[in-house]
Protein backbone atom coordinates (compact mmCIF):
# COMPACT_ATOMS: atom_id res chain seq x y z
CA MET A 1 18.78 -7.38 42.41
CA GLY A 2 16.64 -4.33 41.42
CA THR A 3 14.09 -2.32 43.31
CA SER A 4 10.77 -3.83 44.14
CA LEU A 5 7.70 -2.47 42.39
CA THR A 6 5.28 -3.87 44.92
CA PRO A 7 2.62 -1.47 46.20
CA GLU A 8 3.85 -1.65 49.79
CA ASN A 9 5.64 1.75 49.60
CA THR A 10 2.71 3.80 48.38
CA ASP A 11 2.11 5.80 51.57
CA LEU A 12 2.74 9.39 50.64
CA PRO A 13 2.94 12.12 53.22
CA VAL A 14 -0.18 14.21 53.45
CA GLN A 15 0.48 17.80 52.52
CA ARG A 16 -0.07 19.85 55.63
CA MET A 17 -1.83 23.16 55.66
CA PRO A 18 0.47 26.07 56.53
CA ASP A 19 0.67 26.57 60.26
CA ARG A 20 -0.88 29.90 61.07
CA ASP A 21 1.68 30.34 63.86
CA HIS A 22 4.33 30.61 61.12
CA SER A 23 2.44 33.03 58.90
CA ASP A 24 4.57 35.96 60.06
CA CYS A 25 7.91 34.41 59.04
CA ARG A 26 8.44 36.94 56.25
CA GLY A 27 7.96 39.85 58.63
CA VAL A 28 10.28 38.36 61.21
CA ALA A 29 12.83 37.52 58.51
CA SER A 30 12.91 41.13 57.29
CA ILE A 31 13.42 42.40 60.84
CA LEU A 32 16.19 39.88 61.50
CA ALA A 33 17.81 40.84 58.20
CA ARG A 34 17.92 44.46 59.38
CA VAL A 35 19.15 43.88 62.93
CA GLY A 36 21.45 41.03 61.92
CA ASP A 37 23.15 43.05 59.19
CA LYS A 38 26.76 43.70 60.20
CA TRP A 39 26.54 47.46 59.71
CA SER A 40 23.32 47.70 61.72
CA VAL A 41 24.98 45.79 64.55
CA PHE A 42 27.90 48.22 64.53
CA VAL A 43 25.65 51.30 64.40
CA ILE A 44 23.48 50.07 67.27
CA MET A 45 26.61 49.26 69.31
CA MET A 46 28.09 52.71 68.66
CA LEU A 47 24.84 54.48 69.57
CA SER A 48 24.41 52.49 72.78
CA ASP A 49 26.15 55.16 74.86
CA GLY A 50 24.25 58.13 73.42
CA PRO A 51 23.67 60.23 70.31
CA LYS A 52 26.34 60.58 67.66
CA ARG A 53 26.84 62.70 64.57
CA PHE A 54 27.17 61.09 61.15
CA ASN A 55 30.92 61.68 60.77
CA GLU A 56 31.53 60.52 64.33
CA LEU A 57 29.80 57.23 63.51
CA LYS A 58 31.74 56.93 60.26
CA ARG A 59 35.05 57.34 62.12
CA MET A 60 34.03 54.81 64.78
CA ILE A 61 32.92 52.10 62.33
CA ASN A 62 36.02 50.98 60.50
CA GLY A 63 35.43 50.15 56.83
CA ILE A 64 31.92 51.55 56.37
CA SER A 65 31.43 53.80 53.37
CA GLN A 66 29.46 57.03 53.55
CA ARG A 67 26.78 55.52 51.31
CA MET A 68 26.46 52.34 53.40
CA LEU A 69 26.24 54.33 56.63
CA THR A 70 23.54 56.52 55.09
CA LEU A 71 21.56 53.47 53.93
CA THR A 72 21.97 51.72 57.28
CA LEU A 73 20.85 54.77 59.27
CA ARG A 74 17.84 55.27 56.97
CA GLY A 75 16.83 51.65 57.35
CA LEU A 76 17.17 51.77 61.13
CA GLU A 77 15.21 55.02 61.20
CA ARG A 78 12.49 53.53 58.98
CA ASP A 79 12.21 50.55 61.34
CA GLY A 80 11.84 52.88 64.33
CA LEU A 81 15.15 51.92 65.92
CA VAL A 82 17.01 55.20 65.38
CA THR A 83 15.86 58.79 65.44
CA ARG A 84 17.44 61.62 63.46
CA THR A 85 17.45 65.10 64.97
CA ILE A 86 18.39 68.17 62.93
CA PHE A 87 19.62 71.22 64.84
CA PRO A 88 19.17 74.61 63.09
CA THR A 89 22.80 75.70 63.19
CA ILE A 90 25.11 76.75 60.39
CA PRO A 91 26.04 74.26 59.10
CA PRO A 92 23.11 72.14 60.28
CA ARG A 93 23.97 69.57 62.93
CA VAL A 94 22.36 66.14 62.70
CA ASP A 95 22.41 63.65 65.57
CA TYR A 96 21.42 60.00 65.47
CA GLU A 97 20.16 58.28 68.58
CA LEU A 98 18.55 54.99 69.52
CA THR A 99 14.81 55.18 70.12
CA GLU A 100 13.20 53.35 73.02
CA LEU A 101 12.62 50.43 70.65
CA GLY A 102 16.27 50.56 69.57
CA ARG A 103 17.48 50.67 73.17
CA GLY A 104 15.50 47.48 73.80
CA LEU A 105 17.56 45.86 71.05
CA GLN A 106 20.94 47.13 72.18
CA GLN A 107 21.58 44.44 74.82
CA PRO A 108 21.14 41.45 72.47
CA VAL A 109 23.03 43.24 69.66
CA ILE A 110 25.93 44.12 71.96
CA ALA A 111 25.99 40.52 73.20
CA LEU A 112 26.08 39.28 69.59
CA GLY A 113 28.88 41.70 68.70
CA MET A 114 30.90 40.76 71.77
CA TRP A 115 30.40 37.04 71.09
CA ALA A 116 31.68 37.52 67.53
CA LYS A 117 34.69 39.48 68.76
CA GLU A 118 35.55 36.91 71.44
CA HIS A 119 35.23 33.94 69.07
CA GLN A 120 36.70 35.29 65.84
CA GLU A 121 39.93 33.28 66.21
CA GLN A 122 38.02 30.03 66.81
CA ILE A 123 35.79 30.72 63.81
CA ALA A 124 38.81 31.50 61.62
CA ALA A 125 40.48 28.24 62.71
CA ALA A 126 37.30 26.24 62.02
CA ARG A 127 37.04 27.82 58.55
CA THR A 128 40.65 26.93 57.81
CA ARG A 129 40.11 23.30 58.90
CA PHE A 130 36.94 23.08 56.79
CA ASP A 131 38.65 24.55 53.73
CA GLU A 132 41.62 22.17 54.10
CA ARG A 133 39.27 19.15 54.30
CA ASN A 134 37.18 20.31 51.35
CA GLY A 135 39.86 21.55 48.98
CA GLY A 136 38.96 25.21 49.53
């Protein structure tokens, strides 16, 4: 038996107007993209106990390239989360430090980083099970 062509299923959902409470989703998404980026999380965690120099951060964050650290620090500085202080020495010394805004973010970022560290084995096992079930 085929599908019925009777007009009983003609109710179409009314297109809703965008909710003005969600009008800032793009702005929030860009902020979450910055603070949720793995390198930003590491930088914020490393700066949580005080200012650090560029090379100190690079040594502390395993696997980050010089270019990626530069881009991450610039992005965090642009967003007002990190401040860059240049000291007039020879050679010039540059320190990076969390701003007040950045310090307000450090607790949730540290919690996220610690959660990831504590659950990495469970996540790896879940990925393996998923891949085995799905031919991955």
